[in-house]
Amino acid sequence: MSSEPLPGLYIHIPFCSRKCSYCDFYSVEDTSLIQSYLKALELEARLQKRYWQCTFDSLYLGGGSPSLLPPDKLEELRQILLPYKLASKSEVTVEANPEDVTLEKVDSWVRFGINRVSLGVQSFSQRGLAQGLGRTHSVSQTKGAIGLILKAGLSLSIDLIFGWSGQTPKDWEEDLLCATRCQASHISAYTLTPGPGTKLFLGLEEGFLNPLPEEETIAQLFLMTGEILSAEGFNRYEVSNFAKRGHECRHNLKYWKRVPYLGLGPAAHSFDGIKRYANLSDLTAWSLALDSGRTHRGFIEDITPDQAKLELLLLSLRLSEGLPANKVRDQDKLSELIAGGYLFRDGTRIIPSEKGFLAADYLARELA
């Protein structure tokens, strides 16, 4: 029996009721296009099934805001994906916004087979939501959503964002502690990053938004995250991701470990072990191409063996399990980074320290 890890399946559902100022993921606000999207998705699913005759053990519904899908459309999606085989005990995740979570929708998620919800809480502070992040949901909506998710027996992952304008270390500590008190088994803690082209980026560049915290403050908040969540029983298994034992996100680990995955939908990325490719980030162009019996790629990249080795090294530096010491070519540079407190040896493996996680990009440059 093969011990190779099974691939993952990702579905990009590109609809949002309103695009957040910091978001650089592809999305559209016209929900009247959901039916035509599902029609095109069915065509793509049939087309890709010819090349992906395999069993998957993770399914991730991302976006966009997949939680916008009403129960009848989610059922259509389930029917579209029936030809794809999921292993028993697969991890099936849906991303959700607190304001979208209703009893009816949660019931439809359970019928679909979803067993894990990634909830976009972002902050438990109303000031942080409204002024710092420009979110439209309320803290009370968050609490109501969490209650419905847990009552349904679904595994709860909470997304938080730090580094918004005016945020204090006390604000962040309270956010982290709130997340640990609501029976979440997984917490993602991301730095607010003004991606080029986003409203946040343009607002900061043009000076009509208050500046974000200085790098020293961001570093303080980052290190606080590890300290507080570790004390609450969460392990940092990746730079921005923490989990109770056994609740690491199986699907996302495939990205960091270079396990193959298939992405369906506009802007969705795929990796077959040899090449990486992505659909065009345009709902209309993606749909029209499928109507004519073909796919429309945004890019295709062949990965050479040397590139694959380098990618594995760089991605391993983001994980708590690190990498084998013999995978590092420059042993002198490795010794220097260990002496600097960025890495440490654990038997034959090299593991990032908390300082190393903070400087993951620096480590990648130094060891590349």
Protein backbone atom coordinates (compact mmCIF):
# COMPACT_ATOMS: atom_id res chain seq x y z
CA MET A 1 0.00 0.00 0.00
CA SER A 2 1.33 3.45 -0.96
CA SER A 3 2.32 5.75 1.90
CA GLU A 4 2.17 8.85 -0.31
CA PRO A 5 -0.15 11.54 1.12
CA LEU A 6 -3.42 11.99 -0.73
CA PRO A 7 -4.04 15.23 -2.69
CA GLY A 8 -6.40 18.00 -1.67
CA LEU A 9 -9.34 19.56 -3.52
CA TYR A 10 -9.96 23.32 -3.38
CA ILE A 11 -13.05 25.14 -4.67
CA HIS A 12 -12.82 28.91 -5.11
CA ILE A 13 -16.22 30.52 -4.54
CA PRO A 14 -15.55 34.12 -5.58
CA PHE A 15 -18.58 35.94 -4.16
CA CYS A 16 -18.52 38.59 -1.44
CA SER A 17 -21.26 40.91 -0.27
CA ARG A 18 -18.56 43.55 0.21
CA LYS A 19 -14.82 43.42 -0.38
CA CYS A 20 -12.71 44.11 2.70
CA SER A 21 -10.19 46.94 2.36
CA TYR A 22 -7.20 44.66 2.99
CA CYS A 23 -8.28 41.67 0.87
CA ASP A 24 -6.33 40.84 -2.29
CA PHE A 25 -8.07 37.54 -3.07
CA TYR A 26 -10.15 37.47 -6.24
CA SER A 27 -13.84 38.14 -5.60
CA VAL A 28 -16.91 39.74 -7.14
CA GLU A 29 -19.93 41.33 -5.42
CA ASP A 30 -22.61 40.41 -7.98
CA THR A 31 -24.27 37.39 -6.38
CA SER A 32 -26.72 37.15 -9.30
CA LEU A 33 -23.86 35.37 -11.09
CA ILE A 34 -23.85 32.41 -8.68
CA GLN A 35 -25.95 30.20 -10.98
CA SER A 36 -23.77 30.83 -14.03
CA TYR A 37 -20.70 30.24 -11.85
CA LEU A 38 -22.04 26.83 -10.80
CA LYS A 39 -22.75 25.93 -14.43
CA ALA A 40 -19.15 26.74 -15.40
CA LEU A 41 -17.80 24.96 -12.33
CA GLU A 42 -19.62 21.79 -13.37
CA LEU A 43 -17.95 21.98 -16.79
CA GLU A 44 -14.53 22.46 -15.19
CA ALA A 45 -15.10 19.63 -12.73
CA ARG A 46 -15.92 17.25 -15.60
CA LEU A 47 -12.91 18.41 -17.59
CA GLN A 48 -10.42 18.08 -14.73
CA LYS A 49 -11.76 14.69 -13.62
CA ARG A 50 -10.10 13.18 -16.69
CA TYR A 51 -6.70 14.13 -15.29
CA TRP A 52 -7.31 13.65 -11.57
CA GLN A 53 -8.36 10.01 -11.25
CA CYS A 54 -7.50 9.86 -7.57
CA THR A 55 -8.89 9.94 -4.05
CA PHE A 56 -8.70 13.19 -2.07
CA ASP A 57 -8.64 13.46 1.71
CA SER A 58 -9.36 17.17 2.07
CA LEU A 59 -11.89 19.51 0.49
CA TYR A 60 -11.66 23.23 1.12
CA LEU A 61 -14.36 25.73 0.13
CA GLY A 62 -12.61 29.10 0.03
CA GLY A 63 -13.17 32.50 -1.49
CA GLY A 64 -14.54 35.00 -1.50
CA SER A 65 -17.19 34.18 1.05
CA PRO A 66 -18.44 30.61 0.56
CA SER A 67 -20.83 31.15 3.45
CA LEU A 68 -22.86 33.40 1.14
CA LEU A 69 -24.11 30.32 -0.75
CA PRO A 70 -27.71 29.56 0.21
CA PRO A 71 -28.53 25.92 1.03
CA ASP A 72 -30.00 25.12 -2.40
CA LYS A 73 -26.88 26.35 -4.19
CA LEU A 74 -24.64 24.46 -1.78
CA GLU A 75 -26.60 21.32 -2.65
CA GLU A 76 -25.95 22.02 -6.35
CA LEU A 77 -22.26 22.28 -5.53
CA ARG A 78 -22.39 18.94 -3.71
CA GLN A 79 -23.92 17.33 -6.78
CA ILE A 80 -21.21 18.83 -9.01
CA LEU A 81 -18.47 17.32 -6.83
CA LEU A 82 -19.99 13.82 -6.57
CA PRO A 83 -17.65 12.38 -9.25
CA TYR A 84 -14.67 13.25 -7.04
CA LYS A 85 -13.87 10.59 -4.46
CA LEU A 86 -13.18 11.67 -0.90
CA ALA A 87 -11.52 9.27 1.52
CA SER A 88 -13.34 8.31 4.68
CA LYS A 89 -12.66 10.77 7.51
CA SER A 90 -11.67 13.49 5.05
CA GLU A 91 -11.29 17.04 6.31
CA VAL A 92 -14.01 19.22 4.71
CA THR A 93 -13.72 22.95 5.45
CA VAL A 94 -15.84 25.97 4.63
CA GLU A 95 -14.73 29.55 5.14
CA ALA A 96 -17.46 31.64 6.77
CA ASN A 97 -18.13 35.21 7.80
CA PRO A 98 -19.94 35.60 11.15
CA GLU A 99 -22.78 37.62 9.63
CA ASP A 100 -23.61 34.79 7.19
CA VAL A 101 -23.95 32.04 9.78
CA THR A 102 -27.56 30.95 10.37
CA LEU A 103 -29.08 27.73 11.68
CA GLU A 104 -30.36 26.92 8.19
CA LYS A 105 -26.92 27.32 6.65
CA VAL A 106 -25.16 25.35 9.36
CA ASP A 107 -27.65 22.51 8.84
CA SER A 108 -26.89 22.62 5.10
CA TRP A 109 -23.15 22.45 5.83
CA VAL A 110 -23.67 19.31 7.88
CA ARG A 111 -25.73 17.74 5.07
CA PHE A 112 -22.96 18.63 2.61
CA GLY A 113 -20.43 16.78 4.75
CA ILE A 114 -18.58 19.80 6.09
CA ASN A 115 -16.88 19.04 9.42
CA ARG A 116 -14.72 22.13 9.88
CA VAL A 117 -15.48 25.87 9.75
CA SER A 118 -12.84 28.56 9.30
CA LEU A 119 -14.57 31.60 10.79
CA GLY A 120 -13.38 35.08 9.80
CA VAL A 121 -13.65 36.65 13.25
CA GLN A 122 -10.61 38.95 12.71
CA SER A 123 -11.16 40.67 16.08
CA PHE A 124 -13.32 40.39 19.20
CA SER A 125 -13.07 44.17 19.60
CA GLN A 126 -15.89 46.22 18.09
CA ARG A 127 -13.45 49.10 17.70
CA GLY A 128 -11.02 46.82 15.92
CA LEU A 129 -13.72 45.51 13.58
CA ALA A 130 -15.25 48.85 12.66
CA GLN A 131 -12.32 51.28 12.81
CA GLY A 132 -9.23 49.10 12.46
CA LEU A 133 -10.40 46.59 9.86
CA GLY A 134 -13.53 48.06 8.31
CA ARG A 135 -15.55 44.88 8.89
CA THR A 136 -19.34 44.98 8.92
CA HIS A 137 -20.11 42.19 11.38
CA SER A 138 -20.46 42.74 15.11
CA VAL A 139 -18.99 40.96 18.11
CA SER A 140 -22.48 39.71 19.01
CA GLN A 141 -22.81 38.17 15.53
CA THR A 142 -19.47 36.45 16.05
CA LYS A 143 -20.61 34.96 19.35
CA GLY A 144 -23.89 33.80 17.81
CA ALA A 145 -22.08 32.18 14.88
CA ILE A 146 -19.67 30.37 17.18
CA GLY A 147 -22.57 29.01 19.21
CA LEU A 148 -24.32 27.60 16.12
CA ILE A 149 -21.12 26.04 14.78
CA LEU A 150 -20.23 24.34 18.04
CA LYS A 151 -23.80 23.15 18.67
CA ALA A 152 -23.69 21.40 15.29
CA GLY A 153 -20.54 19.54 16.38
CA LEU A 154 -18.30 21.17 13.78
CA SER A 155 -14.60 21.80 14.39
CA LEU A 156 -13.98 25.53 14.78
CA SER A 157 -11.01 27.44 13.40
CA ILE A 158 -10.82 31.17 14.12
CA ASP A 159 -9.04 33.72 11.93
CA LEU A 160 -7.62 36.79 13.69
CA ILE A 161 -5.74 39.80 12.30
CA PHE A 162 -3.23 41.93 14.19
CA GLY A 163 -1.39 45.12 13.31
CA TRP A 164 -4.38 47.38 12.60
CA SER A 165 -4.13 51.11 13.21
CA GLY A 166 -4.50 51.98 16.88
CA GLN A 167 -4.22 48.39 18.13
CA THR A 168 -2.41 48.00 21.44
CA PRO A 169 -0.71 44.91 22.88
CA LYS A 170 -3.59 44.75 25.38
CA ASP A 171 -6.11 44.71 22.51
CA TRP A 172 -4.27 41.80 20.91
CA GLU A 173 -3.93 39.87 24.14
CA GLU A 174 -7.68 40.13 24.68
CA ASP A 175 -8.40 38.95 21.13
CA LEU A 176 -6.18 35.89 21.60
CA LEU A 177 -7.67 35.01 24.98
CA CYS A 178 -11.22 35.40 23.63
CA ALA A 179 -10.37 32.97 20.83
CA THR A 180 -9.04 30.38 23.29
CA ARG A 181 -12.18 30.65 25.47
CA CYS A 182 -14.66 29.72 22.74
CA GLN A 183 -13.64 26.09 22.19
CA ALA A 184 -11.72 26.72 18.97
CA SER A 185 -9.35 23.91 18.08
CA HIS A 186 -7.39 25.98 15.55
CA ILE A 187 -6.41 29.66 15.42
CA SER A 188 -4.86 31.53 12.50
CA ALA A 189 -3.20 34.83 13.40
CA TYR A 190 -2.26 36.99 10.42
CA THR A 191 -0.46 40.31 10.22
CA LEU A 192 -2.52 43.00 8.49
CA THR A 193 -0.71 43.39 5.17
CA PRO A 194 -1.62 46.17 2.72
CA GLY A 195 -1.40 44.25 -0.56
CA PRO A 196 -0.79 46.36 -3.68
CA GLY A 197 -4.02 47.51 -5.25
CA THR A 198 -6.16 47.02 -2.14
CA LYS A 199 -8.16 49.90 -0.65
CA LEU A 200 -5.96 49.70 2.43
CA PHE A 201 -2.77 50.06 0.38
CA LEU A 202 -4.12 53.02 -1.58
CA GLY A 203 -5.49 54.71 1.55
CA LEU A 204 -2.16 54.43 3.34
CA GLU A 205 -0.22 55.54 0.27
CA GLU A 206 -2.42 58.60 -0.23
CA GLY A 207 -2.38 59.47 3.46
CA PHE A 208 -6.10 59.48 4.27
CA LEU A 209 -5.84 56.43 6.56
CA ASN A 210 -4.03 56.38 9.89
CA PRO A 211 -0.66 54.61 9.62
CA LEU A 212 -0.25 51.03 10.76
CA PRO A 213 1.94 50.15 13.78
CA GLU A 214 5.74 50.27 13.45
CA GLU A 215 7.71 47.08 12.73
CA GLU A 216 8.87 46.86 16.35
CA THR A 217 5.25 46.79 17.55
CA ILE A 218 4.33 44.15 14.95
CA ALA A 219 7.25 42.01 16.13
CA GLN A 220 6.08 42.39 19.74
CA LEU A 221 2.55 41.31 18.81
CA PHE A 222 3.88 38.36 16.82
CA LEU A 223 5.96 37.07 19.71
CA MET A 224 3.07 37.64 22.14
CA THR A 225 0.94 35.39 19.93
CA GLY A 226 3.21 32.42 20.40
CA GLU A 227 3.58 32.99 24.14
CA ILE A 228 -0.14 33.36 24.87
CA LEU A 229 -1.40 30.57 22.61
CA SER A 230 1.29 28.15 23.74
CA ALA A 231 0.25 28.74 27.36
CA GLU A 232 -3.34 27.94 26.32
CA GLY A 233 -2.39 24.60 24.74
CA PHE A 234 -2.03 25.66 21.11
CA ASN A 235 1.05 24.64 19.12
CA ARG A 236 2.47 26.96 16.46
CA TYR A 237 2.80 24.42 13.64
CA GLU A 238 3.27 27.07 10.92
CA VAL A 239 4.28 30.72 11.04
CA SER A 240 0.70 32.01 11.33
CA ASN A 241 -1.19 28.89 12.38
CA PHE A 242 -1.80 27.31 15.78
CA ALA A 243 -3.72 24.18 16.71
CA LYS A 244 -4.61 21.88 19.54
CA ARG A 245 -2.89 18.52 19.05
CA GLY A 246 -4.40 16.67 16.10
CA HIS A 247 -6.32 19.68 14.77
CA GLU A 248 -3.76 21.08 12.31
CA CYS A 249 -5.35 22.03 8.98
CA ARG A 250 -4.74 18.99 6.79
CA HIS A 251 -5.56 20.85 3.59
CA ASN A 252 -3.23 23.82 4.14
CA LEU A 253 -0.40 21.52 5.18
CA LYS A 254 -0.48 20.15 1.63
CA TYR A 255 0.54 23.58 0.32
CA TRP A 256 3.46 23.84 2.72
CA LYS A 257 4.61 20.25 2.15
CA ARG A 258 4.25 20.35 -1.65
CA VAL A 259 1.55 17.67 -1.74
CA PRO A 260 -0.53 17.83 -4.97
CA TYR A 261 -3.84 19.70 -4.93
CA LEU A 262 -6.49 20.53 -7.49
CA GLY A 263 -8.18 23.93 -7.55
CA LEU A 264 -11.49 24.57 -9.31
CA GLY A 265 -13.02 27.98 -9.94
CA PRO A 266 -11.70 31.36 -11.15
CA ALA A 267 -8.27 32.23 -9.66
CA ALA A 268 -7.92 28.71 -8.18
CA HIS A 269 -4.39 27.28 -8.07
CA SER A 270 -3.35 23.67 -8.67
CA PHE A 271 -0.15 21.66 -8.25
CA ASP A 272 0.25 18.17 -9.71
CA GLY A 273 3.71 17.47 -8.31
CA ILE A 274 5.48 18.59 -11.50
CA LYS A 275 3.85 21.84 -12.52
CA ARG A 276 1.90 24.60 -10.82
CA TYR A 277 -0.87 26.47 -12.58
CA ALA A 278 -3.76 28.81 -11.87
CA ASN A 279 -7.04 29.72 -13.52
CA LEU A 280 -7.49 33.25 -14.77
CA SER A 281 -8.73 35.64 -12.09
CA ASP A 282 -11.76 36.66 -14.10
CA LEU A 283 -15.15 35.02 -13.64
CA THR A 284 -16.43 35.93 -17.10
CA ALA A 285 -13.32 34.86 -19.04
CA TRP A 286 -13.05 31.64 -17.00
CA SER A 287 -16.71 30.81 -17.73
CA LEU A 288 -16.47 31.61 -21.46
CA ALA A 289 -13.41 29.40 -21.87
CA LEU A 290 -15.21 26.47 -20.24
CA ASP A 291 -18.24 27.02 -22.49
CA SER A 292 -15.90 26.38 -25.41
CA GLY A 293 -14.52 23.21 -23.79
CA ARG A 294 -11.19 24.50 -22.51
CA THR A 295 -9.61 26.10 -19.46
CA HIS A 296 -8.10 29.60 -19.29
CA ARG A 297 -4.89 29.67 -17.26
CA GLY A 298 -3.50 32.73 -15.58
CA PHE A 299 -0.10 31.02 -15.51
CA ILE A 300 1.59 27.64 -15.86
CA GLU A 301 4.96 26.93 -14.25
CA ASP A 302 7.04 23.79 -14.69
CA ILE A 303 9.02 22.98 -11.54
CA THR A 304 12.52 21.61 -12.09
CA PRO A 305 14.02 19.11 -9.62
CA ASP A 306 16.35 21.81 -8.28
CA GLN A 307 13.45 24.23 -7.85
CA ALA A 308 11.48 21.52 -6.04
CA LYS A 309 14.32 20.96 -3.56
CA LEU A 310 14.64 24.69 -2.94
CA GLU A 311 10.88 25.12 -2.48
CA LEU A 312 10.76 22.26 0.01
CA LEU A 313 13.60 23.81 2.01
CA LEU A 314 12.00 27.27 2.08
CA LEU A 315 8.54 25.98 2.94
CA SER A 316 9.92 23.70 5.66
CA LEU A 317 11.31 26.78 7.40
CA ARG A 318 7.69 27.88 7.95
CA LEU A 319 6.80 24.66 9.79
CA SER A 320 7.45 23.62 13.38
CA GLU A 321 8.74 20.24 12.19
CA GLY A 322 11.51 22.01 10.25
CA LEU A 323 13.71 19.97 7.94
CA PRO A 324 16.56 17.44 8.01
CA ALA A 325 19.91 19.13 8.63
CA ASN A 326 21.45 17.34 5.63
CA LYS A 327 19.05 19.19 3.32
CA VAL A 328 20.91 22.45 3.97
CA ARG A 329 23.85 22.91 1.60
CA ASP A 330 25.55 25.81 3.40
CA GLN A 331 26.39 24.28 6.79
CA ASP A 332 28.45 27.32 7.81
CA LYS A 333 25.46 29.60 7.29
CA LEU A 334 23.31 27.09 9.17
CA SER A 335 25.70 27.19 12.14
CA GLU A 336 25.60 30.98 12.06
CA LEU A 337 21.79 31.05 12.16
CA ILE A 338 21.71 28.53 15.01
CA ALA A 339 24.20 30.66 16.96
CA GLY A 340 21.97 33.69 16.29
CA GLY A 341 18.99 31.95 17.89
CA TYR A 342 16.92 31.67 14.70
CA LEU A 343 17.14 27.88 14.48
CA PHE A 344 17.97 24.97 16.75
CA ARG A 345 18.81 21.30 16.34
CA ASP A 346 16.42 18.59 17.44
CA GLY A 347 18.23 15.36 16.74
CA THR A 348 18.88 15.34 13.00
CA ARG A 349 16.33 18.06 12.26
CA ILE A 350 16.61 21.83 12.13
CA ILE A 351 13.69 23.64 13.77
CA PRO A 352 12.83 27.36 13.66
CA SER A 353 12.69 29.13 17.02
CA GLU A 354 10.03 31.76 17.77
CA LYS A 355 12.59 34.33 16.64
CA GLY A 356 13.10 32.24 13.52
CA PHE A 357 9.37 32.16 12.74
CA LEU A 358 9.34 35.94 13.03
CA ALA A 359 12.19 36.10 10.49
CA ALA A 360 11.00 33.29 8.18
CA ASP A 361 11.60 35.33 5.02
CA TYR A 362 15.10 36.23 6.20
CA LEU A 363 15.92 32.57 6.85
CA ALA A 364 14.70 31.67 3.39
CA ARG A 365 17.01 34.25 1.79
CA GLU A 366 19.98 33.17 3.87
CA LEU A 367 19.63 29.43 3.22
CA ALA A 368 18.39 29.55 -0.38
